[in-house]
Amino acid sequence: MESPLTGKKNVKCLGTASTSEIAARWKRSLNVDLGGAFRDIGELEYYRCEDTGLCWYAPFYAAGGSELYAELEKFDWYYMPEKWEFSQAIKMLQPDDKVLEVGVGSGFFLEKCRANGIEVVGLELNRSAARRAREKGFEVYEIDLHALADTMGSNRFDAICSFQVLEHVAEPGKFLEGMLNNLGIGGRLILSVPNGAVMRRIDPERKGLLNQPPHHMSHWDAGVFHAIEKIFPVRLRSARCEPLAKYHVNWVVTAYIRSMFSGLGGYATGVLFNRVTLLPVVALLKLGFRKWLPGHTLLVELDKVD
């Protein structure tokens, strides 16, 4: 097995997971049928790249396709109209920047750019989401990044933004290369991902339904983005942690405390640590203390260098 970032075999297998068990949980929890092709994979392997710290799942074809995201967009919590990283990213852009957003969803960040006078186009492979973004008057391509560079010309954009996308792609190294091919020298790559450092604390056994294939294929933290400076022509300008969001407080508190006491067994932790017993902690965090705790998202800004 080779690292998807370095192409080297300096990797370590950290565990396995059953696709049939994952598919059963998707059906039970979300009423989403992952299909026989996913179940037939049998076993997923989870690796860590010893050179960068990136963790990822294999095989790559376990990644969900556009059909999966068409199912997920039915949930109102999936494509959120406002995210912390949207407002942060806008501050990093200039009015005269030519901007590409990769993975536009329904076009909420595109709207934010337009409201701030920023020229922006999008790329989205989910056909129904791309259609909705176009209905708002945006130019949205349904091709991959390498084809986009061939169509529009390499190094065309001053900034490329991609929010909560990198962790979904099967081959993240090629995905980063594709974005950089479309970015001019000195341009900025603005990426948000689930914060792997936080997720390891609240889900150490990687049981979170959306934090594994076919949804998430890789796990990132600030250390990985520092490490890729030696692989890609980039320099890490900043890495920012989202403060714990109010709508994530219940989830984070419950998951974190249950993971701390997992040795007691699932039934015991469920009885001891539930919505009622954790109410005082949740209430304090929602009153404002959450602002000092790292939340779900990591936002990084990378400069493309010569």
Foldseek 3Di string as FASTA:
>chain_A
DADLAFRDPQKDWDDKDFQVVLQVCCCVPVVDHPDDVSNVVGMKIWMARPLQRKIFIDDLVLADDLVVVVSVVVDQPPDDLDDPVLVVVVVVDDLAWEEEEEACQQPSSVVVNVVVNHHYAYEHQNVVSQVNNVVVPHHYHNDALQVVCVVPNFQQGQEYEYEAPLQRHSRNNVNVVSVNRRHHAQHKYKYKHFALVLCCQLPVVQPPSQCDPNRGGIHDHPSSVCSCVVRAQKDWPDKDFAQADLVCLQVSVLSNVCVVVCVVPDVVSPVCRHCVNCVVVSVVCNVPVSRPPGHTMMIIMMGGHD
